[in-house]
Amino acid sequence: MQISITHIDTACVILDINGYRIMTDPVLDKAGKLYHFGYGAFSRKSSNPALTQEQIGTIDLVLLSHHQHKDNFDKAGRKFAKKVKRVITTLPGAKTLKNGVGLANWESLTIETPKVPGLKITATPAQHHPWWVPRFFAGSVIGFIIEWTGQQNGVLYITGDTVYFKGINQIARKFPRIHTAIVHLGAVQFPYLTGKGKYTFDVKSALKTLEVLKVERAIPVHYAGWSHFKQKDYATKAAFSNCQSRPKMLWLTPGLPAKLEV
């Protein structure tokens, strides 16, 4: 099975599995805009997509961890996703998209394609808020497990925007062999609203998660390009480099495909 991953922007990557192309969390707006996230939260985008929509080409499936935040689903990303046959996302997110398919936690969908026999997507729980903040403040989020016939080393996991919480241990029990994890980082904070409470992994909590899940290889995304990311790219890379217990790391160069073995 030929597999590659290409980072476009934020948590937007393209997974090419034997010619079947999956895009995650479409973020395709240009830099410079200020976005309102609801309840007084806002952020400015400072990064540009590594590829144009023309360079991206045809996408077979979109995996959207959540629809309500522009750093995971911006205006151009939404417009692009409308052209894709199917968008798998949260139950609330699917109601906003004509081509949306909503999955509850642990629910699975099998994708029929001759390119990837037995392709199956399973929704995993995610908690996109500090424990003391009500869930409605950030809204529903899911991660994804990707499986297909012939996987020998373990499944592929996309965390979605989440912090460390009890759901991580549940994932570890249900999927004891996770080979590769695409990890959403950034240590997202809104100090003017909820103080130091984090809405996504920082490096410390990401490493704890990777250890619990016994991940062999981690691919960091969602750690640069927005003002609400409080653990910046240089600090993120330095923190991982200084940790001896980390798994294998794959740092993506935006726009350039990297081969995967899963």
C-alpha atoms as a PDB file:
ATOM      1  CA  MET A   1       0.000   0.000   0.000  1.00  0.00           C
ATOM      2  CA  GLN A   2       1.450   3.363  -1.057  1.00  0.00           C
ATOM      3  CA  ILE A   3       0.748   6.042   1.569  1.00  0.00           C
ATOM      4  CA  SER A   4       1.813   9.685   1.766  1.00  0.00           C
ATOM      5  CA  ILE A   5       0.880  12.706   3.851  1.00  0.00           C
ATOM      6  CA  THR A   6       1.084  16.367   2.812  1.00  0.00           C
ATOM      7  CA  HIS A   7       0.622  19.252   5.244  1.00  0.00           C
ATOM      8  CA  ILE A   8      -1.409  22.145   3.831  1.00  0.00           C
ATOM      9  CA  ASP A   9      -2.070  24.429   6.819  1.00  0.00           C
ATOM     10  CA  THR A  10      -2.915  24.162  10.550  1.00  0.00           C
ATOM     11  CA  ALA A  11      -4.552  20.702  10.923  1.00  0.00           C
ATOM     12  CA  CYS A  12      -5.266  20.388   7.212  1.00  0.00           C
ATOM     13  CA  VAL A  13      -3.355  17.492   5.671  1.00  0.00           C
ATOM     14  CA  ILE A  14      -3.890  15.251   2.667  1.00  0.00           C
ATOM     15  CA  LEU A  15      -3.564  11.525   3.238  1.00  0.00           C
ATOM     16  CA  ASP A  16      -3.065   9.670  -0.028  1.00  0.00           C
ATOM     17  CA  ILE A  17      -3.727   5.986   0.581  1.00  0.00           C
ATOM     18  CA  ASN A  18      -3.071   4.045  -2.593  1.00  0.00           C
ATOM     19  CA  GLY A  19      -4.535   6.897  -4.646  1.00  0.00           C
ATOM     20  CA  TYR A  20      -7.563   7.477  -2.381  1.00  0.00           C
ATOM     21  CA  ARG A  21      -7.166  11.062  -1.142  1.00  0.00           C
ATOM     22  CA  ILE A  22      -8.436  12.164   2.269  1.00  0.00           C
ATOM     23  CA  MET A  23      -8.284  15.775   3.471  1.00  0.00           C
ATOM     24  CA  THR A  24      -8.562  16.667   7.149  1.00  0.00           C
ATOM     25  CA  ASP A  25      -9.943  19.904   8.634  1.00  0.00           C
ATOM     26  CA  PRO A  26      -9.904  22.105   5.484  1.00  0.00           C
ATOM     27  CA  VAL A  27      -8.202  25.450   6.161  1.00  0.00           C
ATOM     28  CA  LEU A  28      -7.532  27.300   2.915  1.00  0.00           C
ATOM     29  CA  ASP A  29      -7.961  31.029   3.643  1.00  0.00           C
ATOM     30  CA  LYS A  30      -5.035  33.371   3.201  1.00  0.00           C
ATOM     31  CA  ALA A  31      -3.281  34.918   6.199  1.00  0.00           C
ATOM     32  CA  GLY A  32      -4.288  38.176   7.836  1.00  0.00           C
ATOM     33  CA  LYS A  33      -7.954  37.774   8.733  1.00  0.00           C
ATOM     34  CA  LEU A  34      -9.360  38.078  12.234  1.00  0.00           C
ATOM     35  CA  TYR A  35     -11.973  35.431  13.090  1.00  0.00           C
ATOM     36  CA  HIS A  36     -14.602  35.346  15.806  1.00  0.00           C
ATOM     37  CA  PHE A  37     -14.929  31.921  17.456  1.00  0.00           C
ATOM     38  CA  GLY A  38     -17.980  32.668  19.581  1.00  0.00           C
ATOM     39  CA  TYR A  39     -18.500  33.729  23.220  1.00  0.00           C
ATOM     40  CA  GLY A  40     -15.976  36.552  22.807  1.00  0.00           C
ATOM     41  CA  ALA A  41     -13.113  34.379  21.537  1.00  0.00           C
ATOM     42  CA  PHE A  42     -11.198  35.550  18.483  1.00  0.00           C
ATOM     43  CA  SER A  43      -7.945  34.817  16.650  1.00  0.00           C
ATOM     44  CA  ARG A  44      -5.916  36.126  13.720  1.00  0.00           C
ATOM     45  CA  LYS A  45      -4.521  33.831  11.040  1.00  0.00           C
ATOM     46  CA  SER A  46      -0.846  34.337  10.189  1.00  0.00           C
ATOM     47  CA  SER A  47      -0.120  31.409   7.851  1.00  0.00           C
ATOM     48  CA  ASN A  48      -0.960  30.719   4.214  1.00  0.00           C
ATOM     49  CA  PRO A  49      -1.902  27.357   2.721  1.00  0.00           C
ATOM     50  CA  ALA A  50       1.143  25.595   1.282  1.00  0.00           C
ATOM     51  CA  LEU A  51      -0.759  24.648  -1.881  1.00  0.00           C
ATOM     52  CA  THR A  52      -3.472  26.321  -3.926  1.00  0.00           C
ATOM     53  CA  GLN A  53      -6.775  24.585  -4.458  1.00  0.00           C
ATOM     54  CA  GLU A  54      -5.730  23.894  -8.049  1.00  0.00           C
ATOM     55  CA  GLN A  55      -2.525  22.253  -6.814  1.00  0.00           C
ATOM     56  CA  ILE A  56      -4.480  20.203  -4.270  1.00  0.00           C
ATOM     57  CA  GLY A  57      -6.692  18.735  -6.958  1.00  0.00           C
ATOM     58  CA  THR A  58      -9.418  16.155  -6.375  1.00  0.00           C
ATOM     59  CA  ILE A  59     -10.215  14.957  -2.858  1.00  0.00           C
ATOM     60  CA  ASP A  60     -12.277  11.802  -2.268  1.00  0.00           C
ATOM     61  CA  LEU A  61     -13.180  12.301   1.395  1.00  0.00           C
ATOM     62  CA  VAL A  62     -12.987  14.997   4.062  1.00  0.00           C
ATOM     63  CA  LEU A  63     -12.544  14.172   7.748  1.00  0.00           C
ATOM     64  CA  LEU A  64     -13.697  17.211   9.689  1.00  0.00           C
ATOM     65  CA  SER A  65     -13.065  17.091  13.434  1.00  0.00           C
ATOM     66  CA  HIS A  66     -15.464  19.998  13.996  1.00  0.00           C
ATOM     67  CA  HIS A  67     -17.148  22.676  11.907  1.00  0.00           C
ATOM     68  CA  GLN A  68     -17.554  25.550  14.371  1.00  0.00           C
ATOM     69  CA  HIS A  69     -14.002  26.963  14.532  1.00  0.00           C
ATOM     70  CA  LYS A  70     -12.339  28.723  11.631  1.00  0.00           C
ATOM     71  CA  ASP A  71      -8.865  27.356  12.418  1.00  0.00           C
ATOM     72  CA  ASN A  72     -10.223  23.926  11.450  1.00  0.00           C
ATOM     73  CA  PHE A  73     -12.828  24.879   8.856  1.00  0.00           C
ATOM     74  CA  ASP A  74     -12.522  28.351   7.363  1.00  0.00           C
ATOM     75  CA  LYS A  75     -14.467  30.059   4.581  1.00  0.00           C
ATOM     76  CA  ALA A  76     -12.407  28.759   1.673  1.00  0.00           C
ATOM     77  CA  GLY A  77     -12.183  25.343   3.308  1.00  0.00           C
ATOM     78  CA  ARG A  78     -15.955  25.118   3.615  1.00  0.00           C
ATOM     79  CA  LYS A  79     -16.398  26.138  -0.014  1.00  0.00           C
ATOM     80  CA  PHE A  80     -13.862  23.500  -1.076  1.00  0.00           C
ATOM     81  CA  ALA A  81     -15.499  20.794   1.059  1.00  0.00           C
ATOM     82  CA  LYS A  82     -18.828  21.332  -0.673  1.00  0.00           C
ATOM     83  CA  LYS A  83     -17.268  19.912  -3.854  1.00  0.00           C
ATOM     84  CA  VAL A  84     -16.219  16.664  -2.142  1.00  0.00           C
ATOM     85  CA  LYS A  85     -18.545  13.673  -2.248  1.00  0.00           C
ATOM     86  CA  ARG A  86     -18.572  13.064   1.509  1.00  0.00           C
ATOM     87  CA  VAL A  87     -17.565  14.919   4.684  1.00  0.00           C
ATOM     88  CA  ILE A  88     -17.412  12.803   7.846  1.00  0.00           C
ATOM     89  CA  THR A  89     -17.782  14.961  10.943  1.00  0.00           C
ATOM     90  CA  THR A  90     -19.678  15.405  14.219  1.00  0.00           C
ATOM     91  CA  LEU A  91     -23.445  14.985  14.406  1.00  0.00           C
ATOM     92  CA  PRO A  92     -24.018  18.769  14.764  1.00  0.00           C
ATOM     93  CA  GLY A  93     -21.519  19.465  11.970  1.00  0.00           C
ATOM     94  CA  ALA A  94     -23.246  17.119   9.553  1.00  0.00           C
ATOM     95  CA  LYS A  95     -26.474  19.107   9.917  1.00  0.00           C
ATOM     96  CA  THR A  96     -24.722  22.138   8.390  1.00  0.00           C
ATOM     97  CA  LEU A  97     -23.461  20.296   5.285  1.00  0.00           C
ATOM     98  CA  LYS A  98     -25.482  18.716   2.483  1.00  0.00           C
ATOM     99  CA  ASN A  99     -22.697  16.171   1.963  1.00  0.00           C
ATOM    100  CA  GLY A 100     -22.063  15.704   5.686  1.00  0.00           C
ATOM    101  CA  VAL A 101     -22.169  12.337   7.442  1.00  0.00           C
ATOM    102  CA  GLY A 102     -22.285  12.611  11.214  1.00  0.00           C
ATOM    103  CA  LEU A 103     -20.691  10.035  13.497  1.00  0.00           C
ATOM    104  CA  ALA A 104     -21.200   9.660  17.231  1.00  0.00           C
ATOM    105  CA  ASN A 105     -18.303   8.524  19.408  1.00  0.00           C
ATOM    106  CA  TRP A 106     -17.214   4.968  18.460  1.00  0.00           C
ATOM    107  CA  GLU A 107     -19.519   4.878  15.449  1.00  0.00           C
ATOM    108  CA  SER A 108     -17.873   3.614  12.242  1.00  0.00           C
ATOM    109  CA  LEU A 109     -18.428   4.024   8.520  1.00  0.00           C
ATOM    110  CA  THR A 110     -17.027   1.702   5.872  1.00  0.00           C
ATOM    111  CA  ILE A 111     -15.969   3.385   2.625  1.00  0.00           C
ATOM    112  CA  GLU A 112     -16.342   1.341  -0.536  1.00  0.00           C
ATOM    113  CA  THR A 113     -13.357   1.954  -2.828  1.00  0.00           C
ATOM    114  CA  PRO A 114     -11.262  -0.510  -4.852  1.00  0.00           C
ATOM    115  CA  LYS A 115      -8.171   1.583  -4.072  1.00  0.00           C
ATOM    116  CA  VAL A 116      -8.277   0.797  -0.342  1.00  0.00           C
ATOM    117  CA  PRO A 117     -10.073  -2.472   0.490  1.00  0.00           C
ATOM    118  CA  GLY A 118     -11.834  -2.466   3.840  1.00  0.00           C
ATOM    119  CA  LEU A 119     -11.384   1.264   4.467  1.00  0.00           C
ATOM    120  CA  LYS A 120     -13.175   2.122   7.717  1.00  0.00           C
ATOM    121  CA  ILE A 121     -13.431   5.396   9.655  1.00  0.00           C
ATOM    122  CA  THR A 122     -14.287   5.332  13.366  1.00  0.00           C
ATOM    123  CA  ALA A 123     -15.093   8.456  15.389  1.00  0.00           C
ATOM    124  CA  THR A 124     -13.173   8.801  18.651  1.00  0.00           C
ATOM    125  CA  PRO A 125     -14.031  11.055  21.607  1.00  0.00           C
ATOM    126  CA  ALA A 126     -12.349  14.413  22.040  1.00  0.00           C
ATOM    127  CA  GLN A 127     -12.603  17.144  24.693  1.00  0.00           C
ATOM    128  CA  HIS A 128     -11.932  20.565  23.218  1.00  0.00           C
ATOM    129  CA  HIS A 129     -12.029  22.542  26.462  1.00  0.00           C
ATOM    130  CA  PRO A 130     -10.564  22.678  29.988  1.00  0.00           C
ATOM    131  CA  TRP A 131     -12.358  20.414  32.435  1.00  0.00           C
ATOM    132  CA  TRP A 132     -14.056  23.291  34.256  1.00  0.00           C
ATOM    133  CA  VAL A 133     -15.467  24.918  31.105  1.00  0.00           C
ATOM    134  CA  PRO A 134     -18.864  23.645  29.851  1.00  0.00           C
ATOM    135  CA  ARG A 135     -18.768  21.603  26.658  1.00  0.00           C
ATOM    136  CA  PHE A 136     -21.075  23.987  24.787  1.00  0.00           C
ATOM    137  CA  PHE A 137     -18.451  26.744  24.992  1.00  0.00           C
ATOM    138  CA  ALA A 138     -16.270  24.986  22.389  1.00  0.00           C
ATOM    139  CA  GLY A 139     -18.831  22.566  20.947  1.00  0.00           C
ATOM    140  CA  SER A 140     -18.643  18.960  19.797  1.00  0.00           C
ATOM    141  CA  VAL A 141     -15.385  17.546  18.423  1.00  0.00           C
ATOM    142  CA  ILE A 142     -14.294  14.081  17.318  1.00  0.00           C
ATOM    143  CA  GLY A 143     -11.063  12.389  16.311  1.00  0.00           C
ATOM    144  CA  PHE A 144     -10.704   9.548  13.823  1.00  0.00           C
ATOM    145  CA  ILE A 145      -9.296   6.051  13.585  1.00  0.00           C
ATOM    146  CA  ILE A 146      -8.506   4.966  10.023  1.00  0.00           C
ATOM    147  CA  GLU A 147      -8.310   1.246   9.222  1.00  0.00           C
ATOM    148  CA  TRP A 148      -8.059  -0.835   6.072  1.00  0.00           C
ATOM    149  CA  THR A 149      -7.481  -4.438   5.064  1.00  0.00           C
ATOM    150  CA  GLY A 150      -3.848  -5.461   5.339  1.00  0.00           C
ATOM    151  CA  GLN A 151      -2.707  -3.054   8.060  1.00  0.00           C
ATOM    152  CA  GLN A 152       0.088  -4.922   9.809  1.00  0.00           C
ATOM    153  CA  ASN A 153       1.579  -2.463  12.280  1.00  0.00           C
ATOM    154  CA  GLY A 154      -1.508  -0.826  13.730  1.00  0.00           C
ATOM    155  CA  VAL A 155      -4.162   1.760  12.917  1.00  0.00           C
ATOM    156  CA  LEU A 156      -3.807   5.437  12.060  1.00  0.00           C
ATOM    157  CA  TYR A 157      -5.239   7.909  14.599  1.00  0.00           C
ATOM    158  CA  ILE A 158      -6.112  11.599  14.179  1.00  0.00           C
ATOM    159  CA  THR A 159      -6.633  13.225  17.559  1.00  0.00           C
ATOM    160  CA  GLY A 160      -8.785  16.169  16.525  1.00  0.00           C
ATOM    161  CA  ASP A 161      -8.661  19.235  18.777  1.00  0.00           C
ATOM    162  CA  THR A 162      -8.558  17.809  22.292  1.00  0.00           C
ATOM    163  CA  VAL A 163      -6.882  17.895  25.669  1.00  0.00           C
ATOM    164  CA  TYR A 164      -5.880  14.885  27.734  1.00  0.00           C
ATOM    165  CA  PHE A 165      -8.992  13.387  29.364  1.00  0.00           C
ATOM    166  CA  LYS A 166     -10.465   9.983  30.226  1.00  0.00           C
ATOM    167  CA  GLY A 167     -11.456   9.384  26.614  1.00  0.00           C
ATOM    168  CA  ILE A 168      -7.791   8.891  25.730  1.00  0.00           C
ATOM    169  CA  ASN A 169      -7.664   5.830  27.992  1.00  0.00           C
ATOM    170  CA  GLN A 170     -10.823   4.518  26.336  1.00  0.00           C
ATOM    171  CA  ILE A 171      -9.165   4.843  22.926  1.00  0.00           C
ATOM    172  CA  ALA A 172      -6.149   2.928  24.239  1.00  0.00           C
ATOM    173  CA  ARG A 173      -8.375   0.058  25.384  1.00  0.00           C
ATOM    174  CA  LYS A 174     -10.360  -0.145  22.141  1.00  0.00           C
ATOM    175  CA  PHE A 175      -7.354   0.277  19.829  1.00  0.00           C
ATOM    176  CA  PRO A 176      -4.293  -1.261  21.514  1.00  0.00           C
ATOM    177  CA  ARG A 177      -2.185  -0.995  18.345  1.00  0.00           C
ATOM    178  CA  ILE A 178      -1.865   2.575  17.072  1.00  0.00           C
ATOM    179  CA  HIS A 179       1.061   2.924  14.739  1.00  0.00           C
ATOM    180  CA  THR A 180       0.809   6.556  13.650  1.00  0.00           C
ATOM    181  CA  ALA A 181      -0.937   9.486  15.363  1.00  0.00           C
ATOM    182  CA  ILE A 182      -1.564  12.861  13.758  1.00  0.00           C
ATOM    183  CA  VAL A 183      -1.552  15.101  16.821  1.00  0.00           C
ATOM    184  CA  HIS A 184      -3.296  18.483  17.098  1.00  0.00           C
ATOM    185  CA  LEU A 185      -1.132  20.717  19.293  1.00  0.00           C
ATOM    186  CA  GLY A 186      -0.882  24.484  19.907  1.00  0.00           C
ATOM    187  CA  ALA A 187      -1.803  24.739  23.610  1.00  0.00           C
ATOM    188  CA  VAL A 188      -4.769  26.877  22.578  1.00  0.00           C
ATOM    189  CA  GLN A 189      -5.743  29.432  25.209  1.00  0.00           C
ATOM    190  CA  PHE A 190      -8.007  32.453  25.532  1.00  0.00           C
ATOM    191  CA  PRO A 191      -6.510  34.147  28.620  1.00  0.00           C
ATOM    192  CA  TYR A 192      -9.004  37.020  28.547  1.00  0.00           C
ATOM    193  CA  LEU A 193     -11.890  34.521  28.845  1.00  0.00           C
ATOM    194  CA  THR A 194     -10.750  31.383  30.667  1.00  0.00           C
ATOM    195  CA  GLY A 195      -7.279  32.168  31.999  1.00  0.00           C
ATOM    196  CA  LYS A 196      -4.637  29.484  31.517  1.00  0.00           C
ATOM    197  CA  GLY A 197      -7.117  26.745  30.608  1.00  0.00           C
ATOM    198  CA  LYS A 198      -6.060  24.903  27.462  1.00  0.00           C
ATOM    199  CA  TYR A 199      -8.281  23.779  24.597  1.00  0.00           C
ATOM    200  CA  THR A 200      -5.754  21.590  22.774  1.00  0.00           C
ATOM    201  CA  PHE A 201      -2.670  19.591  23.671  1.00  0.00           C
ATOM    202  CA  ASP A 202       0.522  21.234  24.763  1.00  0.00           C
ATOM    203  CA  VAL A 203       3.642  19.108  24.336  1.00  0.00           C
ATOM    204  CA  LYS A 204       3.486  17.721  27.885  1.00  0.00           C
ATOM    205  CA  SER A 205      -0.086  16.434  27.571  1.00  0.00           C
ATOM    206  CA  ALA A 206       0.564  15.214  24.019  1.00  0.00           C
ATOM    207  CA  LEU A 207       3.507  13.136  25.236  1.00  0.00           C
ATOM    208  CA  LYS A 208       1.360  11.652  28.007  1.00  0.00           C
ATOM    209  CA  THR A 209      -1.267  10.743  25.407  1.00  0.00           C
ATOM    210  CA  LEU A 210       1.269   9.181  23.055  1.00  0.00           C
ATOM    211  CA  GLU A 211       2.642   7.115  25.940  1.00  0.00           C
ATOM    212  CA  VAL A 212      -0.809   5.897  27.011  1.00  0.00           C
ATOM    213  CA  LEU A 213      -1.668   4.971  23.427  1.00  0.00           C
ATOM    214  CA  LYS A 214       1.753   3.375  22.853  1.00  0.00           C
ATOM    215  CA  VAL A 215       2.075   5.247  19.556  1.00  0.00           C
ATOM    216  CA  GLU A 216       5.077   4.317  17.426  1.00  0.00           C
ATOM    217  CA  ARG A 217       5.181   7.499  15.332  1.00  0.00           C
ATOM    218  CA  ALA A 218       3.709  10.956  15.900  1.00  0.00           C
ATOM    219  CA  ILE A 219       3.043  13.646  13.297  1.00  0.00           C
ATOM    220  CA  PRO A 220       2.509  17.089  14.885  1.00  0.00           C
ATOM    221  CA  VAL A 221       0.072  19.529  13.256  1.00  0.00           C
ATOM    222  CA  HIS A 222      -2.044  22.484  14.446  1.00  0.00           C
ATOM    223  CA  TYR A 223       0.783  24.289  16.251  1.00  0.00           C
ATOM    224  CA  ALA A 224       1.512  27.335  14.073  1.00  0.00           C
ATOM    225  CA  GLY A 225      -0.289  30.037  12.149  1.00  0.00           C
ATOM    226  CA  TRP A 226      -2.837  31.457  14.619  1.00  0.00           C
ATOM    227  CA  SER A 227      -2.661  33.978  17.444  1.00  0.00           C
ATOM    228  CA  HIS A 228      -4.534  31.734  19.906  1.00  0.00           C
ATOM    229  CA  PHE A 229      -1.835  29.054  19.658  1.00  0.00           C
ATOM    230  CA  LYS A 230       0.200  29.766  22.778  1.00  0.00           C
ATOM    231  CA  GLN A 231       2.925  27.117  22.372  1.00  0.00           C
ATOM    232  CA  LYS A 232       4.537  28.284  19.148  1.00  0.00           C
ATOM    233  CA  ASP A 233       6.277  26.153  16.544  1.00  0.00           C
ATOM    234  CA  TYR A 234       9.844  26.716  17.754  1.00  0.00           C
ATOM    235  CA  ALA A 235       8.887  25.971  21.371  1.00  0.00           C
ATOM    236  CA  THR A 236       6.944  22.890  20.300  1.00  0.00           C
ATOM    237  CA  LYS A 237       9.854  21.418  18.358  1.00  0.00           C
ATOM    238  CA  ALA A 238      12.315  22.227  21.140  1.00  0.00           C
ATOM    239  CA  ALA A 239      10.123  20.590  23.793  1.00  0.00           C
ATOM    240  CA  PHE A 240       9.809  17.374  21.791  1.00  0.00           C
ATOM    241  CA  SER A 241      13.540  17.353  21.056  1.00  0.00           C
ATOM    242  CA  ASN A 242      14.358  17.605  24.762  1.00  0.00           C
ATOM    243  CA  CYS A 243      12.173  14.639  25.691  1.00  0.00           C
ATOM    244  CA  GLN A 244      13.910  11.255  25.692  1.00  0.00           C
ATOM    245  CA  SER A 245      10.709   9.197  25.970  1.00  0.00           C
ATOM    246  CA  ARG A 246       9.005  10.498  22.836  1.00  0.00           C
ATOM    247  CA  PRO A 247       8.017   8.168  19.969  1.00  0.00           C
ATOM    248  CA  LYS A 248       9.407   8.543  16.474  1.00  0.00           C
ATOM    249  CA  MET A 249       8.562  12.006  15.191  1.00  0.00           C
ATOM    250  CA  LEU A 250       7.740  13.057  11.646  1.00  0.00           C
ATOM    251  CA  TRP A 251       7.877  16.815  11.127  1.00  0.00           C
ATOM    252  CA  LEU A 252       6.168  17.706   7.876  1.00  0.00           C
ATOM    253  CA  THR A 253       7.422  20.339   5.449  1.00  0.00           C
ATOM    254  CA  PRO A 254       4.292  22.149   4.235  1.00  0.00           C
ATOM    255  CA  GLY A 255       3.405  21.329   0.665  1.00  0.00           C
ATOM    256  CA  LEU A 256       5.799  18.405   0.323  1.00  0.00           C
ATOM    257  CA  PRO A 257       4.454  14.842   0.524  1.00  0.00           C
ATOM    258  CA  ALA A 258       6.126  12.490   2.998  1.00  0.00           C
ATOM    259  CA  LYS A 259       5.896   8.711   2.580  1.00  0.00           C
ATOM    260  CA  LEU A 260       4.354   6.688   5.382  1.00  0.00           C
ATOM    261  CA  GLU A 261       4.549   3.063   6.373  1.00  0.00           C
ATOM    262  CA  VAL A 262       1.451   1.993   8.268  1.00  0.00           C
END
